[in-house]
């Protein structure tokens, strides 16, 4: 039975892909597949960026590197300081709704940390947290309770999301 199984395994294998080991084991291997690497721009986040800047006067975030990415953002009036660091990245994030969110709408406030307080979609598909507290998100609506910075174009914001890594420094002008 073992010989039949061995013959079945070896059928169709070239001599280059089968190696008989001194221990009596048989190593059957295939060459590693070719790896395709796209343009340098798609690897911007991997290699790091040369410059990330939030421009208050133009209302945009700009990532300069192999290719330049510009995205209009709102909520800049609440942004303080001259530098920030990307402390967290999340794809398909949930937002924890504070009591104020429910009270403003005349809704019953769920208990603290209840599943009903975690809302999906409010922050959009992508969020970057600056200095652990400021969400830079792609949500479709501007809500006072969410705060942070909101990208005007969620599609373009995905490029920013993938271009930045946790730890990326952001200058604020």
C-alpha atoms as a PDB file:
ATOM      1  CA  UNK A   1       0.000   0.000   0.000  1.00  0.00           C
ATOM      2  CA  UNK A   2       2.838   2.446   0.893  1.00  0.00           C
ATOM      3  CA  UNK A   3       4.612   1.668  -2.350  1.00  0.00           C
ATOM      4  CA  UNK A   4       1.421   2.345  -4.305  1.00  0.00           C
ATOM      5  CA  UNK A   5       0.991   5.669  -2.492  1.00  0.00           C
ATOM      6  CA  UNK A   6       4.622   6.585  -3.160  1.00  0.00           C
ATOM      7  CA  UNK A   7       4.245   5.771  -6.854  1.00  0.00           C
ATOM      8  CA  UNK A   8       1.058   7.892  -6.957  1.00  0.00           C
ATOM      9  CA  UNK A   9       2.861  10.865  -5.375  1.00  0.00           C
ATOM     10  CA  UNK A  10       5.875  10.638  -7.669  1.00  0.00           C
ATOM     11  CA  UNK A  11       3.875  10.409 -10.896  1.00  0.00           C
ATOM     12  CA  UNK A  12       4.075  13.755 -12.617  1.00  0.00           C
ATOM     13  CA  UNK A  13       6.921  15.040 -10.404  1.00  0.00           C
ATOM     14  CA  UNK A  14      10.135  15.911 -12.198  1.00  0.00           C
ATOM     15  CA  UNK A  15      13.437  14.695 -10.777  1.00  0.00           C
ATOM     16  CA  UNK A  16      14.213  18.309  -9.829  1.00  0.00           C
ATOM     17  CA  UNK A  17      11.193  18.522  -7.496  1.00  0.00           C
ATOM     18  CA  UNK A  18      11.874  15.182  -5.683  1.00  0.00           C
ATOM     19  CA  UNK A  19      14.804  14.765  -3.331  1.00  0.00           C
ATOM     20  CA  UNK A  20      15.563  11.490  -1.531  1.00  0.00           C
ATOM     21  CA  UNK A  21      17.043  12.323   1.915  1.00  0.00           C
ATOM     22  CA  UNK A  22      19.711  10.124   3.621  1.00  0.00           C
ATOM     23  CA  UNK A  23      17.229   9.501   6.455  1.00  0.00           C
ATOM     24  CA  UNK A  24      14.915   7.725   3.999  1.00  0.00           C
ATOM     25  CA  UNK A  25      12.506  10.656   3.773  1.00  0.00           C
ATOM     26  CA  UNK A  26      11.374  11.986   0.442  1.00  0.00           C
ATOM     27  CA  UNK A  27      11.253  15.734  -0.025  1.00  0.00           C
ATOM     28  CA  UNK A  28       8.827  16.894  -2.706  1.00  0.00           C
ATOM     29  CA  UNK A  29       9.094  20.592  -3.430  1.00  0.00           C
ATOM     30  CA  UNK A  30       8.114  23.035  -6.099  1.00  0.00           C
ATOM     31  CA  UNK A  31       9.973  26.202  -6.946  1.00  0.00           C
ATOM     32  CA  UNK A  32       8.723  29.343  -5.220  1.00  0.00           C
ATOM     33  CA  UNK A  33       6.319  31.339  -7.376  1.00  0.00           C
ATOM     34  CA  UNK A  34       7.498  34.521  -9.013  1.00  0.00           C
ATOM     35  CA  UNK A  35       6.834  37.593  -6.902  1.00  0.00           C
ATOM     36  CA  UNK A  36       5.575  40.705  -8.644  1.00  0.00           C
ATOM     37  CA  UNK A  37       6.232  44.058  -7.079  1.00  0.00           C
ATOM     38  CA  UNK A  38       4.204  46.965  -8.401  1.00  0.00           C
ATOM     39  CA  UNK A  39       5.338  50.534  -8.773  1.00  0.00           C
ATOM     40  CA  UNK A  40       7.255  52.250  -5.988  1.00  0.00           C
ATOM     41  CA  UNK A  41       4.214  54.379  -5.218  1.00  0.00           C
ATOM     42  CA  UNK A  42       2.217  51.384  -4.070  1.00  0.00           C
ATOM     43  CA  UNK A  43       4.998  50.536  -1.611  1.00  0.00           C
ATOM     44  CA  UNK A  44       5.188  54.034  -0.186  1.00  0.00           C
ATOM     45  CA  UNK A  45       4.089  52.939   3.296  1.00  0.00           C
ATOM     46  CA  UNK A  46       6.523  50.024   3.316  1.00  0.00           C
ATOM     47  CA  UNK A  47       9.582  52.108   2.560  1.00  0.00           C
ATOM     48  CA  UNK A  48       8.456  55.063   4.645  1.00  0.00           C
ATOM     49  CA  UNK A  49       7.514  58.475   3.400  1.00  0.00           C
ATOM     50  CA  UNK A  50       9.731  61.451   2.903  1.00  0.00           C
ATOM     51  CA  UNK A  51       7.173  63.947   4.224  1.00  0.00           C
ATOM     52  CA  UNK A  52       3.649  64.033   5.659  1.00  0.00           C
ATOM     53  CA  UNK A  53       2.069  67.416   6.206  1.00  0.00           C
ATOM     54  CA  UNK A  54      -1.305  68.760   7.265  1.00  0.00           C
ATOM     55  CA  UNK A  55      -1.744  72.207   5.727  1.00  0.00           C
ATOM     56  CA  UNK A  56      -4.333  74.197   7.724  1.00  0.00           C
ATOM     57  CA  UNK A  57      -4.537  77.026   5.188  1.00  0.00           C
ATOM     58  CA  UNK A  58      -5.317  74.711   2.262  1.00  0.00           C
ATOM     59  CA  UNK A  59      -7.330  72.248   4.354  1.00  0.00           C
ATOM     60  CA  UNK A  60      -5.506  69.158   3.173  1.00  0.00           C
ATOM     61  CA  UNK A  61      -3.110  66.397   4.120  1.00  0.00           C
ATOM     62  CA  UNK A  62      -0.207  65.844   1.744  1.00  0.00           C
ATOM     63  CA  UNK A  63       2.031  62.792   1.588  1.00  0.00           C
ATOM     64  CA  UNK A  64       5.148  63.340  -0.506  1.00  0.00           C
ATOM     65  CA  UNK A  65       7.336  60.462  -1.556  1.00  0.00           C
ATOM     66  CA  UNK A  66       7.594  58.370  -4.704  1.00  0.00           C
ATOM     67  CA  UNK A  67       4.244  59.890  -5.643  1.00  0.00           C
ATOM     68  CA  UNK A  68       2.435  62.820  -4.063  1.00  0.00           C
ATOM     69  CA  UNK A  69      -0.985  62.253  -2.499  1.00  0.00           C
ATOM     70  CA  UNK A  70      -3.299  65.136  -1.531  1.00  0.00           C
ATOM     71  CA  UNK A  71      -6.612  64.790   0.275  1.00  0.00           C
ATOM     72  CA  UNK A  72      -8.902  67.604   1.413  1.00  0.00           C
ATOM     73  CA  UNK A  73      -9.882  67.342   5.087  1.00  0.00           C
ATOM     74  CA  UNK A  74     -12.224  69.131   7.476  1.00  0.00           C
ATOM     75  CA  UNK A  75     -12.178  69.623  11.242  1.00  0.00           C
ATOM     76  CA  UNK A  76      -8.873  71.490  11.288  1.00  0.00           C
ATOM     77  CA  UNK A  77     -10.198  74.127  13.710  1.00  0.00           C
ATOM     78  CA  UNK A  78      -9.802  71.627  16.571  1.00  0.00           C
ATOM     79  CA  UNK A  79      -6.247  70.600  15.638  1.00  0.00           C
ATOM     80  CA  UNK A  80      -3.495  71.925  17.904  1.00  0.00           C
ATOM     81  CA  UNK A  81       0.269  71.595  17.908  1.00  0.00           C
ATOM     82  CA  UNK A  82       2.836  71.540  15.139  1.00  0.00           C
ATOM     83  CA  UNK A  83       3.552  67.812  14.958  1.00  0.00           C
ATOM     84  CA  UNK A  84       1.699  64.536  15.444  1.00  0.00           C
ATOM     85  CA  UNK A  85       2.478  60.835  15.162  1.00  0.00           C
ATOM     86  CA  UNK A  86       0.291  58.109  13.651  1.00  0.00           C
ATOM     87  CA  UNK A  87      -0.364  55.974  16.724  1.00  0.00           C
ATOM     88  CA  UNK A  88      -2.977  53.542  15.352  1.00  0.00           C
ATOM     89  CA  UNK A  89      -4.384  52.436  11.981  1.00  0.00           C
ATOM     90  CA  UNK A  90      -7.693  50.594  11.581  1.00  0.00           C
ATOM     91  CA  UNK A  91      -9.561  49.277   8.578  1.00  0.00           C
ATOM     92  CA  UNK A  92     -13.356  48.955   9.048  1.00  0.00           C
ATOM     93  CA  UNK A  93     -13.181  50.574  12.508  1.00  0.00           C
ATOM     94  CA  UNK A  94     -15.962  50.818  15.052  1.00  0.00           C
ATOM     95  CA  UNK A  95     -16.721  54.009  16.940  1.00  0.00           C
ATOM     96  CA  UNK A  96     -17.652  54.064  20.621  1.00  0.00           C
ATOM     97  CA  UNK A  97     -20.627  56.429  20.917  1.00  0.00           C
ATOM     98  CA  UNK A  98     -20.582  58.634  24.034  1.00  0.00           C
ATOM     99  CA  UNK A  99     -23.710  59.372  26.082  1.00  0.00           C
ATOM    100  CA  UNK A 100     -23.969  62.779  24.393  1.00  0.00           C
ATOM    101  CA  UNK A 101     -24.604  61.101  21.020  1.00  0.00           C
ATOM    102  CA  UNK A 102     -27.740  59.342  22.336  1.00  0.00           C
ATOM    103  CA  UNK A 103     -29.018  62.233  24.476  1.00  0.00           C
ATOM    104  CA  UNK A 104     -28.854  64.701  21.547  1.00  0.00           C
ATOM    105  CA  UNK A 105     -31.096  62.389  19.544  1.00  0.00           C
ATOM    106  CA  UNK A 106     -33.516  61.603  22.356  1.00  0.00           C
ATOM    107  CA  UNK A 107     -32.466  57.946  22.413  1.00  0.00           C
ATOM    108  CA  UNK A 108     -32.070  55.615  25.368  1.00  0.00           C
ATOM    109  CA  UNK A 109     -28.403  55.529  26.395  1.00  0.00           C
ATOM    110  CA  UNK A 110     -27.089  51.955  26.384  1.00  0.00           C
ATOM    111  CA  UNK A 111     -24.956  50.883  29.372  1.00  0.00           C
ATOM    112  CA  UNK A 112     -21.226  51.651  29.273  1.00  0.00           C
ATOM    113  CA  UNK A 113     -19.296  49.291  26.971  1.00  0.00           C
ATOM    114  CA  UNK A 114     -22.507  47.674  25.710  1.00  0.00           C
ATOM    115  CA  UNK A 115     -22.345  46.281  22.172  1.00  0.00           C
ATOM    116  CA  UNK A 116     -24.919  48.901  21.214  1.00  0.00           C
ATOM    117  CA  UNK A 117     -22.385  51.663  21.901  1.00  0.00           C
ATOM    118  CA  UNK A 118     -19.939  50.393  19.261  1.00  0.00           C
ATOM    119  CA  UNK A 119     -21.134  51.693  15.896  1.00  0.00           C
ATOM    120  CA  UNK A 120     -19.740  50.461  12.614  1.00  0.00           C
ATOM    121  CA  UNK A 121     -19.367  52.779   9.628  1.00  0.00           C
ATOM    122  CA  UNK A 122     -19.333  56.100  11.479  1.00  0.00           C
ATOM    123  CA  UNK A 123     -15.572  56.490  10.928  1.00  0.00           C
ATOM    124  CA  UNK A 124     -15.796  55.154   7.373  1.00  0.00           C
ATOM    125  CA  UNK A 125     -13.616  52.403   5.976  1.00  0.00           C
ATOM    126  CA  UNK A 126     -10.290  53.740   7.276  1.00  0.00           C
ATOM    127  CA  UNK A 127      -9.070  55.649  10.324  1.00  0.00           C
ATOM    128  CA  UNK A 128      -5.645  56.859  11.433  1.00  0.00           C
ATOM    129  CA  UNK A 129      -5.273  58.062  15.008  1.00  0.00           C
ATOM    130  CA  UNK A 130      -2.894  60.946  15.523  1.00  0.00           C
ATOM    131  CA  UNK A 131      -1.309  61.112  18.999  1.00  0.00           C
ATOM    132  CA  UNK A 132      -3.772  58.479  20.345  1.00  0.00           C
ATOM    133  CA  UNK A 133      -6.665  60.922  20.393  1.00  0.00           C
ATOM    134  CA  UNK A 134      -7.386  62.564  17.044  1.00  0.00           C
ATOM    135  CA  UNK A 135      -9.107  60.333  14.488  1.00  0.00           C
ATOM    136  CA  UNK A 136      -8.312  61.137  10.856  1.00  0.00           C
ATOM    137  CA  UNK A 137     -11.141  59.214   9.231  1.00  0.00           C
ATOM    138  CA  UNK A 138     -13.087  58.652   6.037  1.00  0.00           C
ATOM    139  CA  UNK A 139     -16.597  58.802   7.547  1.00  0.00           C
ATOM    140  CA  UNK A 140     -19.319  60.154   5.295  1.00  0.00           C
ATOM    141  CA  UNK A 141     -20.888  62.495   7.875  1.00  0.00           C
ATOM    142  CA  UNK A 142     -19.487  65.188  10.116  1.00  0.00           C
ATOM    143  CA  UNK A 143     -20.765  64.583  13.629  1.00  0.00           C
ATOM    144  CA  UNK A 144     -19.744  66.856  16.497  1.00  0.00           C
ATOM    145  CA  UNK A 145     -19.455  63.823  18.787  1.00  0.00           C
ATOM    146  CA  UNK A 146     -16.934  62.072  16.520  1.00  0.00           C
ATOM    147  CA  UNK A 147     -14.563  64.993  16.228  1.00  0.00           C
ATOM    148  CA  UNK A 148     -11.163  64.637  14.642  1.00  0.00           C
ATOM    149  CA  UNK A 149     -10.401  65.225  10.995  1.00  0.00           C
ATOM    150  CA  UNK A 150     -12.571  63.940   8.169  1.00  0.00           C
ATOM    151  CA  UNK A 151     -11.334  63.256   4.649  1.00  0.00           C
ATOM    152  CA  UNK A 152     -13.601  64.759   1.991  1.00  0.00           C
ATOM    153  CA  UNK A 153     -12.946  61.921  -0.475  1.00  0.00           C
ATOM    154  CA  UNK A 154     -12.917  58.423   1.097  1.00  0.00           C
ATOM    155  CA  UNK A 155     -11.428  56.864  -2.056  1.00  0.00           C
ATOM    156  CA  UNK A 156      -8.390  59.138  -2.011  1.00  0.00           C
ATOM    157  CA  UNK A 157      -8.052  58.727   1.751  1.00  0.00           C
ATOM    158  CA  UNK A 158      -7.403  55.009   1.262  1.00  0.00           C
ATOM    159  CA  UNK A 159      -4.144  55.991  -0.485  1.00  0.00           C
ATOM    160  CA  UNK A 160      -3.118  58.004   2.583  1.00  0.00           C
ATOM    161  CA  UNK A 161      -4.055  55.079   4.843  1.00  0.00           C
ATOM    162  CA  UNK A 162      -1.855  52.643   2.960  1.00  0.00           C
ATOM    163  CA  UNK A 163       0.990  55.150   2.538  1.00  0.00           C
ATOM    164  CA  UNK A 164       1.422  55.766   6.277  1.00  0.00           C
ATOM    165  CA  UNK A 165       2.663  53.435   8.973  1.00  0.00           C
ATOM    166  CA  UNK A 166       2.183  53.537  12.720  1.00  0.00           C
ATOM    167  CA  UNK A 167       4.936  55.843  13.933  1.00  0.00           C
ATOM    168  CA  UNK A 168       4.883  58.116  10.856  1.00  0.00           C
ATOM    169  CA  UNK A 169       5.474  61.729  11.839  1.00  0.00           C
ATOM    170  CA  UNK A 170       3.004  64.342  10.587  1.00  0.00           C
ATOM    171  CA  UNK A 171       3.933  68.021  10.526  1.00  0.00           C
ATOM    172  CA  UNK A 172       1.078  70.485  11.037  1.00  0.00           C
ATOM    173  CA  UNK A 173       1.382  73.935   9.436  1.00  0.00           C
END
